[in-house]
Amino acid sequence: MDYSIWDSISKHVQYHKVKAVHDLRREIEKATKKIELNYLREVINVFLRRVYSVEKHNGELIIDEHS
């Protein structure tokens, strides 16, 4: 999963409610529901552009193609 999505999830987790693994799972599930759909779409689009760029360059170094 993209690090920015994990960051967004982390910001919504109420860590003071976590005492055990099942509590953490519950909080992560609740936090994922708070992420905006448009944000997820944008992250997916950026990821796909990166994948296509890697394919286009045969896995070689890519410098600022999307900047």
Protein backbone atom coordinates (compact mmCIF):
# COMPACT_ATOMS: atom_id res chain seq x y z
CA MET A 1 0.00 0.00 0.00
CA ASP A 2 1.17 3.50 -0.72
CA TYR A 3 2.89 5.21 2.23
CA SER A 4 0.65 8.27 1.94
CA ILE A 5 -2.42 6.08 2.47
CA TRP A 6 -0.86 4.56 5.59
CA ASP A 7 -0.05 8.07 6.78
CA SER A 8 -3.66 9.11 6.32
CA ILE A 9 -4.87 6.02 8.18
CA SER A 10 -2.38 6.66 10.98
CA LYS A 11 -3.67 10.20 11.47
CA HIS A 12 -7.19 8.87 12.07
CA VAL A 13 -6.32 6.03 14.46
CA GLN A 14 -7.23 6.76 18.07
CA TYR A 15 -4.16 5.20 19.63
CA HIS A 16 -5.31 5.82 23.19
CA LYS A 17 -8.04 3.19 22.57
CA VAL A 18 -5.53 0.52 21.52
CA LYS A 19 -4.66 -2.00 24.23
CA ALA A 20 -4.38 -5.18 22.13
CA VAL A 21 -4.02 -6.30 18.52
CA HIS A 22 -7.77 -6.60 18.02
CA ASP A 23 -8.15 -2.99 19.21
CA LEU A 24 -5.59 -1.85 16.64
CA ARG A 25 -7.39 -3.75 13.88
CA ARG A 26 -10.68 -2.12 14.87
CA GLU A 27 -9.12 1.35 14.87
CA ILE A 28 -7.48 0.80 11.49
CA GLU A 29 -10.79 -0.36 10.02
CA LYS A 30 -12.52 2.74 11.40
CA ALA A 31 -9.74 4.99 10.11
CA THR A 32 -9.90 3.54 6.58
CA LYS A 33 -13.54 4.57 6.38
CA LYS A 34 -12.54 8.19 7.01
CA ILE A 35 -10.26 8.42 3.96
CA GLU A 36 -11.87 10.41 1.16
CA LEU A 37 -12.58 8.52 -2.04
CA ASN A 38 -11.15 11.28 -4.24
CA TYR A 39 -7.87 11.08 -2.33
CA LEU A 40 -7.67 7.33 -2.94
CA ARG A 41 -8.42 7.83 -6.63
CA GLU A 42 -5.61 10.36 -6.94
CA VAL A 43 -3.13 8.08 -5.15
CA ILE A 44 -4.08 5.23 -7.48
CA ASN A 45 -3.71 7.47 -10.56
CA VAL A 46 -0.25 8.62 -9.46
CA PHE A 47 0.78 5.02 -8.78
CA LEU A 48 -0.42 3.90 -12.21
CA ARG A 49 1.55 6.71 -13.87
CA ARG A 50 4.65 5.48 -12.05
CA VAL A 51 4.03 1.88 -13.15
CA TYR A 52 3.55 2.91 -16.79
CA SER A 53 6.69 5.03 -16.63
CA VAL A 54 8.74 2.12 -15.27
CA GLU A 55 7.39 -0.08 -18.04
CA LYS A 56 8.12 2.58 -20.70
CA HIS A 57 11.74 2.88 -19.48
CA ASN A 58 12.23 -0.90 -19.13
CA GLY A 59 12.87 -0.54 -15.41
CA GLU A 60 15.69 1.97 -15.88
CA LEU A 61 16.17 5.18 -13.91
CA ILE A 62 13.36 7.73 -14.39
CA ILE A 63 14.16 11.37 -13.73
CA ASP A 64 11.34 13.88 -13.17
CA GLU A 65 9.07 12.56 -15.91
CA HIS A 66 5.93 13.60 -14.01
CA SER A 67 7.09 16.81 -12.38
